Amino acid sequence: MGDTSSIRGFSANLKKAVCWISETVREHSERSRKDILTEAELRFDLSPRECEFLDTNFQELVEKNCSARD
């Protein structure tokens, strides 16, 4: 999966969520950002702090993790 070194100090669930988000964006580009984030937050039981981190850094994380896999 993608490089998660940029999110040190966060839970394993957040790291898994970032990888899942990257895969979901790649495979389902028609899905909205809000839908993907909401599903990730629920699927990986993220804390409010982690949800805020994802929302703030969504585009950067997706670009970094998707490009790391190419």
PDB file of N, CA and C in Angstrom:
ATOM      1  N   MET A   1       0.850  -1.179   0.000  1.00  0.00           N
ATOM      2  CA  MET A   1       0.000   0.000   0.000  1.00  0.00           C
ATOM      3  C   MET A   1       0.889   1.232   0.000  1.00  0.00           C
ATOM      4  N   GLY A   2       0.303   2.410   0.071  1.00  0.00           N
ATOM      5  CA  GLY A   2       1.048   3.647  -0.055  1.00  0.00           C
ATOM      6  C   GLY A   2       1.943   3.951   1.123  1.00  0.00           C
ATOM      7  N   ASP A   3       2.730   4.988   0.982  1.00  0.00           N
ATOM      8  CA  ASP A   3       3.654   5.438   2.022  1.00  0.00           C
ATOM      9  C   ASP A   3       2.886   6.207   3.087  1.00  0.00           C
ATOM     10  N   THR A   4       2.946   5.722   4.325  1.00  0.00           N
ATOM     11  CA  THR A   4       2.240   6.393   5.417  1.00  0.00           C
ATOM     12  C   THR A   4       3.204   7.049   6.390  1.00  0.00           C
ATOM     13  N   SER A   5       4.454   7.216   6.008  1.00  0.00           N
ATOM     14  CA  SER A   5       5.436   7.798   6.920  1.00  0.00           C
ATOM     15  C   SER A   5       5.109   9.240   7.285  1.00  0.00           C
ATOM     16  N   SER A   6       4.332   9.933   6.461  1.00  0.00           N
ATOM     17  CA  SER A   6       3.990  11.333   6.742  1.00  0.00           C
ATOM     18  C   SER A   6       2.962  11.463   7.855  1.00  0.00           C
ATOM     19  N   ILE A   7       2.398  10.344   8.323  1.00  0.00           N
ATOM     20  CA  ILE A   7       1.380  10.426   9.363  1.00  0.00           C
ATOM     21  C   ILE A   7       1.825   9.698  10.629  1.00  0.00           C
ATOM     22  N   ARG A   8       3.118   9.769  10.939  1.00  0.00           N
ATOM     23  CA  ARG A   8       3.621   9.176  12.177  1.00  0.00           C
ATOM     24  C   ARG A   8       2.929   9.811  13.367  1.00  0.00           C
ATOM     25  N   GLY A   9       2.764   9.037  14.412  1.00  0.00           N
ATOM     26  CA  GLY A   9       2.132   9.554  15.613  1.00  0.00           C
ATOM     27  C   GLY A   9       0.623   9.373  15.633  1.00  0.00           C
ATOM     28  N   PHE A  10       0.066   8.914  14.536  1.00  0.00           N
ATOM     29  CA  PHE A  10      -1.359   8.644  14.487  1.00  0.00           C
ATOM     30  C   PHE A  10      -1.571   7.144  14.599  1.00  0.00           C
ATOM     31  N   SER A  11      -2.796   6.751  14.823  1.00  0.00           N
ATOM     32  CA  SER A  11      -3.119   5.344  15.031  1.00  0.00           C
ATOM     33  C   SER A  11      -2.925   4.506  13.773  1.00  0.00           C
ATOM     34  N   ALA A  12      -2.820   3.213  13.994  1.00  0.00           N
ATOM     35  CA  ALA A  12      -2.748   2.266  12.874  1.00  0.00           C
ATOM     36  C   ALA A  12      -4.015   2.362  12.036  1.00  0.00           C
ATOM     37  N   ASN A  13      -5.155   2.635  12.688  1.00  0.00           N
ATOM     38  CA  ASN A  13      -6.414   2.761  11.948  1.00  0.00           C
ATOM     39  C   ASN A  13      -6.369   3.927  10.972  1.00  0.00           C
ATOM     40  N   LEU A  14      -5.769   5.036  11.365  1.00  0.00           N
ATOM     41  CA  LEU A  14      -5.662   6.177  10.454  1.00  0.00           C
ATOM     42  C   LEU A  14      -4.773   5.818   9.277  1.00  0.00           C
ATOM     43  N   LYS A  15      -3.683   5.145   9.538  1.00  0.00           N
ATOM     44  CA  LYS A  15      -2.789   4.739   8.455  1.00  0.00           C
ATOM     45  C   LYS A  15      -3.507   3.805   7.482  1.00  0.00           C
ATOM     46  N   LYS A  16      -4.300   2.885   8.016  1.00  0.00           N
ATOM     47  CA  LYS A  16      -5.087   1.986   7.160  1.00  0.00           C
ATOM     48  C   LYS A  16      -6.120   2.781   6.376  1.00  0.00           C
ATOM     49  N   ALA A  17      -6.716   3.772   7.020  1.00  0.00           N
ATOM     50  CA  ALA A  17      -7.729   4.599   6.354  1.00  0.00           C
ATOM     51  C   ALA A  17      -7.122   5.359   5.178  1.00  0.00           C
ATOM     52  N   VAL A  18      -5.924   5.894   5.355  1.00  0.00           N
ATOM     53  CA  VAL A  18      -5.259   6.633   4.279  1.00  0.00           C
ATOM     54  C   VAL A  18      -5.025   5.719   3.077  1.00  0.00           C
ATOM     55  N   CYS A  19      -4.571   4.511   3.335  1.00  0.00           N
ATOM     56  CA  CYS A  19      -4.354   3.566   2.237  1.00  0.00           C
ATOM     57  C   CYS A  19      -5.676   3.208   1.566  1.00  0.00           C
ATOM     58  N   TRP A  20      -6.705   2.977   2.366  1.00  0.00           N
ATOM     59  CA  TRP A  20      -8.012   2.640   1.815  1.00  0.00           C
ATOM     60  C   TRP A  20      -8.566   3.798   0.978  1.00  0.00           C
ATOM     61  N   ILE A  21      -8.411   5.018   1.480  1.00  0.00           N
ATOM     62  CA  ILE A  21      -8.881   6.202   0.743  1.00  0.00           C
ATOM     63  C   ILE A  21      -8.171   6.293  -0.602  1.00  0.00           C
ATOM     64  N   SER A  22      -6.862   6.095  -0.602  1.00  0.00           N
ATOM     65  CA  SER A  22      -6.103   6.166  -1.847  1.00  0.00           C
ATOM     66  C   SER A  22      -6.601   5.144  -2.858  1.00  0.00           C
ATOM     67  N   GLU A  23      -6.831   3.922  -2.388  1.00  0.00           N
ATOM     68  CA  GLU A  23      -7.330   2.873  -3.272  1.00  0.00           C
ATOM     69  C   GLU A  23      -8.737   3.195  -3.774  1.00  0.00           C
ATOM     70  N   THR A  24      -9.572   3.702  -2.886  1.00  0.00           N
ATOM     71  CA  THR A  24     -10.958   4.012  -3.250  1.00  0.00           C
ATOM     72  C   THR A  24     -11.018   5.137  -4.272  1.00  0.00           C
ATOM     73  N   VAL A  25     -10.223   6.169  -4.080  1.00  0.00           N
ATOM     74  CA  VAL A  25     -10.183   7.281  -5.038  1.00  0.00           C
ATOM     75  C   VAL A  25      -9.712   6.779  -6.403  1.00  0.00           C
ATOM     76  N   ARG A  26      -8.725   5.915  -6.377  1.00  0.00           N
ATOM     77  CA  ARG A  26      -8.176   5.391  -7.625  1.00  0.00           C
ATOM     78  C   ARG A  26      -9.200   4.516  -8.363  1.00  0.00           C
ATOM     79  N   GLU A  27      -9.895   3.669  -7.621  1.00  0.00           N
ATOM     80  CA  GLU A  27     -10.804   2.708  -8.236  1.00  0.00           C
ATOM     81  C   GLU A  27     -12.215   3.256  -8.462  1.00  0.00           C
ATOM     82  N   HIS A  28     -12.582   4.301  -7.712  1.00  0.00           N
ATOM     83  CA  HIS A  28     -13.938   4.854  -7.794  1.00  0.00           C
ATOM     84  C   HIS A  28     -13.880   6.379  -7.835  1.00  0.00           C
ATOM     85  N   SER A  29     -13.286   6.907  -8.865  1.00  0.00           N
ATOM     86  CA  SER A  29     -13.093   8.352  -8.970  1.00  0.00           C
ATOM     87  C   SER A  29     -14.410   9.125  -9.040  1.00  0.00           C
ATOM     88  N   GLU A  30     -15.506   8.419  -9.316  1.00  0.00           N
ATOM     89  CA  GLU A  30     -16.805   9.092  -9.385  1.00  0.00           C
ATOM     90  C   GLU A  30     -17.382   9.403  -8.005  1.00  0.00           C
ATOM     91  N   ARG A  31     -16.864   8.788  -6.969  1.00  0.00           N
ATOM     92  CA  ARG A  31     -17.382   9.016  -5.611  1.00  0.00           C
ATOM     93  C   ARG A  31     -16.935  10.367  -5.093  1.00  0.00           C
ATOM     94  N   SER A  32     -17.766  11.002  -4.304  1.00  0.00           N
ATOM     95  CA  SER A  32     -17.436  12.327  -3.773  1.00  0.00           C
ATOM     96  C   SER A  32     -16.464  12.213  -2.599  1.00  0.00           C
ATOM     97  N   ARG A  33     -15.722  13.279  -2.411  1.00  0.00           N
ATOM     98  CA  ARG A  33     -14.779  13.366  -1.297  1.00  0.00           C
ATOM     99  C   ARG A  33     -15.500  13.126   0.023  1.00  0.00           C
ATOM    100  N   LYS A  34     -16.649  13.767   0.196  1.00  0.00           N
ATOM    101  CA  LYS A  34     -17.387  13.651   1.457  1.00  0.00           C
ATOM    102  C   LYS A  34     -17.802  12.206   1.719  1.00  0.00           C
ATOM    103  N   ASP A  35     -18.296  11.527   0.712  1.00  0.00           N
ATOM    104  CA  ASP A  35     -18.713  10.130   0.873  1.00  0.00           C
ATOM    105  C   ASP A  35     -17.535   9.235   1.250  1.00  0.00           C
ATOM    106  N   ILE A  36     -16.408   9.434   0.596  1.00  0.00           N
ATOM    107  CA  ILE A  36     -15.222   8.620   0.874  1.00  0.00           C
ATOM    108  C   ILE A  36     -14.729   8.867   2.293  1.00  0.00           C
ATOM    109  N   LEU A  37     -14.650  10.136   2.687  1.00  0.00           N
ATOM    110  CA  LEU A  37     -14.187  10.449   4.044  1.00  0.00           C
ATOM    111  C   LEU A  37     -15.131   9.899   5.103  1.00  0.00           C
ATOM    112  N   THR A  38     -16.426  10.051   4.880  1.00  0.00           N
ATOM    113  CA  THR A  38     -17.405   9.556   5.850  1.00  0.00           C
ATOM    114  C   THR A  38     -17.281   8.045   6.009  1.00  0.00           C
ATOM    115  N   GLU A  39     -17.169   7.345   4.902  1.00  0.00           N
ATOM    116  CA  GLU A  39     -17.036   5.891   4.989  1.00  0.00           C
ATOM    117  C   GLU A  39     -15.749   5.492   5.694  1.00  0.00           C
ATOM    118  N   ALA A  40     -14.651   6.177   5.395  1.00  0.00           N
ATOM    119  CA  ALA A  40     -13.373   5.870   6.048  1.00  0.00           C
ATOM    120  C   ALA A  40     -13.449   6.113   7.549  1.00  0.00           C
ATOM    121  N   GLU A  41     -14.071   7.217   7.939  1.00  0.00           N
ATOM    122  CA  GLU A  41     -14.184   7.549   9.359  1.00  0.00           C
ATOM    123  C   GLU A  41     -14.951   6.468  10.113  1.00  0.00           C
ATOM    124  N   LEU A  42     -16.000   5.954   9.513  1.00  0.00           N
ATOM    125  CA  LEU A  42     -16.803   4.909  10.150  1.00  0.00           C
ATOM    126  C   LEU A  42     -16.125   3.541  10.068  1.00  0.00           C
ATOM    127  N   ARG A  43     -15.613   3.220   8.914  1.00  0.00           N
ATOM    128  CA  ARG A  43     -15.004   1.912   8.676  1.00  0.00           C
ATOM    129  C   ARG A  43     -13.800   1.676   9.595  1.00  0.00           C
ATOM    130  N   PHE A  44     -13.015   2.721   9.842  1.00  0.00           N
ATOM    131  CA  PHE A  44     -11.783   2.578  10.615  1.00  0.00           C
ATOM    132  C   PHE A  44     -11.887   3.161  12.022  1.00  0.00           C
ATOM    133  N   ASP A  45     -13.107   3.522  12.453  1.00  0.00           N
ATOM    134  CA  ASP A  45     -13.373   3.995  13.811  1.00  0.00           C
ATOM    135  C   ASP A  45     -12.381   5.086  14.235  1.00  0.00           C
ATOM    136  N   LEU A  46     -12.322   6.146  13.440  1.00  0.00           N
ATOM    137  CA  LEU A  46     -11.352   7.213  13.682  1.00  0.00           C
ATOM    138  C   LEU A  46     -11.844   8.192  14.739  1.00  0.00           C
ATOM    139  N   SER A  47     -10.887   8.761  15.452  1.00  0.00           N
ATOM    140  CA  SER A  47     -11.197   9.767  16.466  1.00  0.00           C
ATOM    141  C   SER A  47     -11.536  11.086  15.776  1.00  0.00           C
ATOM    142  N   PRO A  48     -12.144  12.028  16.511  1.00  0.00           N
ATOM    143  CA  PRO A  48     -12.417  13.342  15.914  1.00  0.00           C
ATOM    144  C   PRO A  48     -11.140  14.025  15.400  1.00  0.00           C
ATOM    145  N   ARG A  49     -10.047  13.870  16.122  1.00  0.00           N
ATOM    146  CA  ARG A  49      -8.769  14.463  15.698  1.00  0.00           C
ATOM    147  C   ARG A  49      -8.307  13.852  14.374  1.00  0.00           C
ATOM    148  N   GLU A  50      -8.442  12.543  14.240  1.00  0.00           N
ATOM    149  CA  GLU A  50      -8.037  11.874  13.009  1.00  0.00           C
ATOM    150  C   GLU A  50      -8.950  12.253  11.845  1.00  0.00           C
ATOM    151  N   CYS A  51     -10.237  12.407  12.119  1.00  0.00           N
ATOM    152  CA  CYS A  51     -11.179  12.838  11.080  1.00  0.00           C
ATOM    153  C   CYS A  51     -10.811  14.233  10.580  1.00  0.00           C
ATOM    154  N   GLU A  52     -10.476  15.101  11.497  1.00  0.00           N
ATOM    155  CA  GLU A  52     -10.065  16.461  11.120  1.00  0.00           C
ATOM    156  C   GLU A  52      -8.792  16.422  10.281  1.00  0.00           C
ATOM    157  N   PHE A  53      -7.844  15.579  10.683  1.00  0.00           N
ATOM    158  CA  PHE A  53      -6.596  15.435   9.930  1.00  0.00           C
ATOM    159  C   PHE A  53      -6.888  14.982   8.496  1.00  0.00           C
ATOM    160  N   LEU A  54      -7.736  13.979   8.355  1.00  0.00           N
ATOM    161  CA  LEU A  54      -8.089  13.491   7.017  1.00  0.00           C
ATOM    162  C   LEU A  54      -8.738  14.584   6.181  1.00  0.00           C
ATOM    163  N   ASP A  55      -9.686  15.292   6.773  1.00  0.00           N
ATOM    164  CA  ASP A  55     -10.390  16.336   6.042  1.00  0.00           C
ATOM    165  C   ASP A  55      -9.433  17.432   5.590  1.00  0.00           C
ATOM    166  N   THR A  56      -8.518  17.795   6.449  1.00  0.00           N
ATOM    167  CA  THR A  56      -7.562  18.868   6.148  1.00  0.00           C
ATOM    168  C   THR A  56      -6.539  18.444   5.102  1.00  0.00           C
ATOM    169  N   ASN A  57      -6.126  17.185   5.133  1.00  0.00           N
ATOM    170  CA  ASN A  57      -5.019  16.720   4.299  1.00  0.00           C
ATOM    171  C   ASN A  57      -5.432  15.755   3.197  1.00  0.00           C
ATOM    172  N   PHE A  58      -6.712  15.651   2.923  1.00  0.00           N
ATOM    173  CA  PHE A  58      -7.245  14.666   1.985  1.00  0.00           C
ATOM    174  C   PHE A  58      -6.517  14.675   0.642  1.00  0.00           C
ATOM    175  N   GLN A  59      -6.463  15.784  -0.036  1.00  0.00           N
ATOM    176  CA  GLN A  59      -5.902  15.838  -1.387  1.00  0.00           C
ATOM    177  C   GLN A  59      -4.423  15.489  -1.383  1.00  0.00           C
ATOM    178  N   GLU A  60      -3.681  16.037  -0.442  1.00  0.00           N
ATOM    179  CA  GLU A  60      -2.243  15.758  -0.362  1.00  0.00           C
ATOM    180  C   GLU A  60      -1.985  14.269  -0.112  1.00  0.00           C
ATOM    181  N   LEU A  61      -2.749  13.677   0.797  1.00  0.00           N
ATOM    182  CA  LEU A  61      -2.574  12.262   1.111  1.00  0.00           C
ATOM    183  C   LEU A  61      -2.892  11.385  -0.090  1.00  0.00           C
ATOM    184  N   VAL A  62      -3.957  11.705  -0.793  1.00  0.00           N
ATOM    185  CA  VAL A  62      -4.351  10.914  -1.956  1.00  0.00           C
ATOM    186  C   VAL A  62      -3.282  11.004  -3.033  1.00  0.00           C
ATOM    187  N   GLU A  63      -2.820  12.207  -3.332  1.00  0.00           N
ATOM    188  CA  GLU A  63      -1.803  12.378  -4.367  1.00  0.00           C
ATOM    189  C   GLU A  63      -0.519  11.653  -3.996  1.00  0.00           C
ATOM    190  N   LYS A  64      -0.089  11.782  -2.764  1.00  0.00           N
ATOM    191  CA  LYS A  64       1.159  11.163  -2.324  1.00  0.00           C
ATOM    192  C   LYS A  64       1.055   9.648  -2.349  1.00  0.00           C
ATOM    193  N   ASN A  65      -0.034   9.103  -1.839  1.00  0.00           N
ATOM    194  CA  ASN A  65      -0.168   7.652  -1.773  1.00  0.00           C
ATOM    195  C   ASN A  65      -0.465   7.030  -3.121  1.00  0.00           C
ATOM    196  N   CYS A  66      -1.219   7.699  -3.957  1.00  0.00           N
ATOM    197  CA  CYS A  66      -1.493   7.153  -5.287  1.00  0.00           C
ATOM    198  C   CYS A  66      -0.244   7.183  -6.145  1.00  0.00           C
ATOM    199  N   SER A  67       0.525   8.250  -6.062  1.00  0.00           N
ATOM    200  CA  SER A  67       1.733   8.343  -6.880  1.00  0.00           C
ATOM    201  C   SER A  67       2.816   7.386  -6.381  1.00  0.00           C
ATOM    202  N   ALA A  68       2.797   7.043  -5.100  1.00  0.00           N
ATOM    203  CA  ALA A  68       3.776   6.112  -4.553  1.00  0.00           C
ATOM    204  C   ALA A  68       3.563   4.708  -5.090  1.00  0.00           C
ATOM    205  N   ARG A  69       2.355   4.395  -5.545  1.00  0.00           N
ATOM    206  CA  ARG A  69       2.018   3.049  -6.020  1.00  0.00           C
ATOM    207  C   ARG A  69       2.225   2.904  -7.517  1.00  0.00           C
ATOM    208  N   ASP A  70       2.371   4.015  -8.239  1.00  0.00           N
ATOM    209  CA  ASP A  70       2.512   3.939  -9.714  1.00  0.00           C
ATOM    210  C   ASP A  70       3.887   3.433 -10.109  1.00  0.00           C
TER     211      ASP A  70
END
